[in-house]
């Protein structure tokens, strides 16, 4: 599969409706307003669209931080930038 590079700061700012800013791997629902279970589903959908790929449902249940997202992208060898 031919994955596209994902720009996480832009994607997260779009999904969680904040002005694009630097994000770090420790960011989570505690540091990003609006990160709730519903928006997390939207985030996954947007990640799939941005990367031109699909994730397994088992991979998604443990996403609680930006670092978890980067691990998921690494697992599927999807290029990204913070």
N, C-alpha and C. Protein backbone atom coordinates (compact mmCIF):
# COMPACT_ATOMS: atom_id res chain seq x y z
N UNK A 1 0.84 -1.18 0.00
CA UNK A 1 0.00 0.00 0.00
C UNK A 1 0.89 1.25 0.00
N UNK A 2 0.44 2.27 -0.67
CA UNK A 2 1.20 3.50 -0.78
C UNK A 2 0.64 4.54 0.18
N UNK A 3 1.29 4.67 1.34
CA UNK A 3 0.82 5.61 2.36
C UNK A 3 1.32 7.01 2.06
N UNK A 4 0.51 7.99 2.44
CA UNK A 4 0.91 9.39 2.34
C UNK A 4 1.42 9.85 3.71
N UNK A 5 2.29 10.86 3.69
CA UNK A 5 2.82 11.42 4.93
C UNK A 5 1.72 12.18 5.67
N UNK A 6 1.62 11.95 6.97
CA UNK A 6 0.61 12.58 7.82
C UNK A 6 1.26 13.71 8.62
N UNK A 7 0.68 14.89 8.60
CA UNK A 7 1.12 16.01 9.43
C UNK A 7 0.21 16.05 10.66
N UNK A 8 0.69 15.50 11.76
CA UNK A 8 -0.15 15.34 12.95
C UNK A 8 -0.65 16.65 13.54
N UNK A 9 0.18 17.67 13.60
CA UNK A 9 -0.28 18.93 14.22
C UNK A 9 -1.46 19.50 13.44
N UNK A 10 -1.40 19.46 12.13
CA UNK A 10 -2.50 19.97 11.31
C UNK A 10 -3.75 19.12 11.45
N UNK A 11 -3.58 17.80 11.45
CA UNK A 11 -4.72 16.90 11.57
C UNK A 11 -5.40 17.07 12.93
N UNK A 12 -4.60 17.10 13.99
CA UNK A 12 -5.18 17.23 15.33
C UNK A 12 -5.84 18.59 15.53
N UNK A 13 -5.25 19.65 14.98
CA UNK A 13 -5.88 20.96 15.12
C UNK A 13 -7.21 21.00 14.39
N UNK A 14 -7.30 20.32 13.27
CA UNK A 14 -8.56 20.25 12.52
C UNK A 14 -9.62 19.47 13.31
N UNK A 15 -9.26 18.31 13.81
CA UNK A 15 -10.21 17.44 14.50
C UNK A 15 -10.65 18.06 15.83
N UNK A 16 -9.70 18.58 16.60
CA UNK A 16 -10.01 19.07 17.93
C UNK A 16 -10.25 20.58 17.97
N UNK A 17 -10.24 21.20 16.79
CA UNK A 17 -10.61 22.60 16.66
C UNK A 17 -9.78 23.54 17.53
N UNK A 18 -8.45 23.48 17.33
CA UNK A 18 -7.59 24.45 17.99
C UNK A 18 -6.65 25.04 16.94
N UNK A 19 -6.11 26.20 17.24
CA UNK A 19 -5.16 26.82 16.34
C UNK A 19 -3.94 25.92 16.26
N UNK A 20 -3.49 25.68 15.04
CA UNK A 20 -2.34 24.79 14.87
C UNK A 20 -1.17 25.30 15.70
N UNK A 21 -0.59 24.39 16.43
CA UNK A 21 0.55 24.70 17.30
C UNK A 21 1.45 23.49 17.33
N UNK A 22 2.59 23.63 17.97
CA UNK A 22 3.45 22.48 18.15
C UNK A 22 2.77 21.49 19.07
N UNK A 23 2.88 20.25 18.74
CA UNK A 23 2.38 19.20 19.63
C UNK A 23 3.57 18.36 20.02
N UNK A 24 3.42 17.64 21.11
CA UNK A 24 4.49 16.73 21.52
C UNK A 24 3.88 15.38 21.84
N UNK A 25 4.72 14.41 21.99
CA UNK A 25 4.25 13.04 22.17
C UNK A 25 3.50 12.82 23.47
N UNK A 26 3.63 13.74 24.42
CA UNK A 26 2.92 13.60 25.69
C UNK A 26 1.53 14.21 25.66
N UNK A 27 1.19 14.94 24.59
CA UNK A 27 -0.14 15.52 24.51
C UNK A 27 -1.20 14.42 24.54
N UNK A 28 -2.33 14.74 25.19
CA UNK A 28 -3.38 13.75 25.45
C UNK A 28 -4.69 14.51 25.67
N UNK A 29 -5.76 13.80 26.03
CA UNK A 29 -7.00 14.51 26.34
C UNK A 29 -6.85 15.55 27.47
N UNK A 30 -5.86 15.37 28.32
CA UNK A 30 -5.64 16.31 29.41
C UNK A 30 -5.03 17.63 28.91
N UNK A 31 -4.34 17.60 27.78
CA UNK A 31 -3.67 18.81 27.28
C UNK A 31 -4.28 19.35 25.99
N UNK A 32 -5.15 18.56 25.36
CA UNK A 32 -5.83 19.00 24.13
C UNK A 32 -7.32 19.04 24.41
N UNK A 33 -7.86 20.25 24.50
CA UNK A 33 -9.29 20.41 24.77
C UNK A 33 -10.10 19.79 23.64
N UNK A 34 -11.17 19.14 23.98
CA UNK A 34 -12.04 18.55 22.99
C UNK A 34 -11.73 17.12 22.64
N UNK A 35 -10.63 16.58 23.16
CA UNK A 35 -10.27 15.19 22.88
C UNK A 35 -11.13 14.31 23.77
N UNK A 36 -12.21 13.82 23.21
CA UNK A 36 -13.08 12.89 23.92
C UNK A 36 -13.26 11.65 23.05
N UNK A 37 -14.08 10.70 23.49
CA UNK A 37 -14.20 9.44 22.77
C UNK A 37 -14.78 9.64 21.37
N UNK A 38 -15.73 10.54 21.22
CA UNK A 38 -16.32 10.78 19.90
C UNK A 38 -15.29 11.39 18.95
N UNK A 39 -14.58 12.41 19.43
CA UNK A 39 -13.57 13.06 18.59
C UNK A 39 -12.41 12.11 18.30
N UNK A 40 -12.15 11.17 19.21
CA UNK A 40 -11.09 10.19 18.96
C UNK A 40 -11.44 9.32 17.75
N UNK A 41 -12.72 8.97 17.62
CA UNK A 41 -13.15 8.20 16.44
C UNK A 41 -12.98 9.01 15.16
N UNK A 42 -13.32 10.27 15.24
CA UNK A 42 -13.14 11.15 14.08
C UNK A 42 -11.65 11.26 13.75
N UNK A 43 -10.82 11.36 14.78
CA UNK A 43 -9.37 11.46 14.58
C UNK A 43 -8.85 10.23 13.83
N UNK A 44 -9.31 9.05 14.23
CA UNK A 44 -8.87 7.82 13.56
C UNK A 44 -9.30 7.83 12.10
N UNK A 45 -10.53 8.22 11.86
CA UNK A 45 -11.03 8.29 10.48
C UNK A 45 -10.18 9.28 9.67
N UNK A 46 -9.88 10.43 10.23
CA UNK A 46 -9.06 11.42 9.54
C UNK A 46 -7.64 10.91 9.31
N UNK A 47 -7.10 10.15 10.27
CA UNK A 47 -5.77 9.55 10.08
C UNK A 47 -5.79 8.58 8.91
N UNK A 48 -6.83 7.76 8.83
CA UNK A 48 -6.93 6.81 7.73
C UNK A 48 -7.03 7.53 6.39
N UNK A 49 -7.81 8.58 6.34
CA UNK A 49 -7.95 9.35 5.11
C UNK A 49 -6.62 10.01 4.74
N UNK A 50 -5.99 10.66 5.72
CA UNK A 50 -4.73 11.37 5.47
C UNK A 50 -3.62 10.42 5.02
N UNK A 51 -3.58 9.23 5.61
CA UNK A 51 -2.52 8.27 5.31
C UNK A 51 -2.84 7.39 4.11
N UNK A 52 -4.11 7.39 3.69
CA UNK A 52 -4.56 6.50 2.63
C UNK A 52 -4.40 5.04 3.07
N UNK A 53 -4.86 4.76 4.30
CA UNK A 53 -4.73 3.40 4.84
C UNK A 53 -5.85 3.07 5.80
N UNK A 54 -5.80 1.87 6.35
CA UNK A 54 -6.79 1.40 7.32
C UNK A 54 -6.06 0.78 8.50
N UNK A 55 -6.67 0.91 9.69
CA UNK A 55 -6.10 0.33 10.89
C UNK A 55 -6.99 -0.81 11.37
N UNK A 56 -6.42 -1.71 12.13
CA UNK A 56 -7.18 -2.78 12.76
C UNK A 56 -7.81 -2.23 14.03
N UNK A 57 -9.02 -2.64 14.32
CA UNK A 57 -9.76 -2.15 15.50
C UNK A 57 -8.97 -2.40 16.79
N UNK A 58 -8.25 -3.51 16.86
CA UNK A 58 -7.47 -3.83 18.06
C UNK A 58 -6.39 -2.79 18.33
N UNK A 59 -5.92 -2.16 17.27
CA UNK A 59 -4.86 -1.16 17.41
C UNK A 59 -5.36 0.16 18.00
N UNK A 60 -6.65 0.37 17.95
CA UNK A 60 -7.19 1.68 18.28
C UNK A 60 -7.60 1.85 19.73
N UNK A 61 -7.83 0.77 20.42
CA UNK A 61 -8.39 0.85 21.78
C UNK A 61 -7.44 1.47 22.79
N UNK A 62 -6.15 1.46 22.54
CA UNK A 62 -5.18 1.95 23.52
C UNK A 62 -4.61 3.34 23.19
N UNK A 63 -5.20 4.04 22.25
CA UNK A 63 -4.68 5.36 21.90
C UNK A 63 -5.14 6.38 22.94
N UNK A 64 -4.16 6.87 23.70
CA UNK A 64 -4.46 7.84 24.75
C UNK A 64 -3.56 9.08 24.69
N UNK A 65 -2.52 9.01 23.87
CA UNK A 65 -1.59 10.13 23.73
C UNK A 65 -1.15 10.25 22.28
N UNK A 66 -0.51 11.35 21.96
CA UNK A 66 0.06 11.52 20.64
C UNK A 66 1.13 10.45 20.41
N UNK A 67 1.86 10.09 21.44
CA UNK A 67 2.86 9.02 21.29
C UNK A 67 2.22 7.71 20.86
N UNK A 68 1.03 7.40 21.40
CA UNK A 68 0.32 6.20 20.97
C UNK A 68 -0.02 6.27 19.48
N UNK A 69 -0.38 7.46 19.02
CA UNK A 69 -0.68 7.64 17.59
C UNK A 69 0.57 7.40 16.77
N UNK A 70 1.70 7.94 17.21
CA UNK A 70 2.94 7.76 16.44
C UNK A 70 3.37 6.29 16.42
N UNK A 71 3.13 5.57 17.52
CA UNK A 71 3.43 4.13 17.53
C UNK A 71 2.58 3.38 16.51
N UNK A 72 1.31 3.77 16.43
CA UNK A 72 0.41 3.16 15.46
C UNK A 72 0.90 3.43 14.04
N UNK A 73 1.27 4.67 13.77
CA UNK A 73 1.77 5.01 12.44
C UNK A 73 3.07 4.27 12.15
N UNK A 74 3.94 4.16 13.14
CA UNK A 74 5.19 3.39 12.96
C UNK A 74 4.89 1.92 12.66
N UNK A 75 3.94 1.35 13.36
CA UNK A 75 3.59 -0.06 13.15
C UNK A 75 3.20 -0.33 11.70
N UNK A 76 2.45 0.61 11.12
CA UNK A 76 2.00 0.44 9.74
C UNK A 76 2.95 1.08 8.73
N UNK A 77 4.08 1.57 9.24
CA UNK A 77 5.11 2.21 8.40
C UNK A 77 4.54 3.40 7.60
N UNK A 78 3.72 4.17 8.30
CA UNK A 78 3.13 5.37 7.71
C UNK A 78 4.00 6.57 8.09
N UNK A 79 4.51 7.30 7.11
CA UNK A 79 5.36 8.45 7.44
C UNK A 79 4.54 9.58 8.06
N UNK A 80 5.15 10.30 8.98
CA UNK A 80 4.46 11.40 9.65
C UNK A 80 5.45 12.44 10.12
N UNK A 81 4.92 13.60 10.44
CA UNK A 81 5.69 14.62 11.14
C UNK A 81 4.80 15.20 12.22
N UNK A 82 5.42 15.61 13.31
CA UNK A 82 4.64 16.21 14.39
C UNK A 82 4.33 17.63 14.00
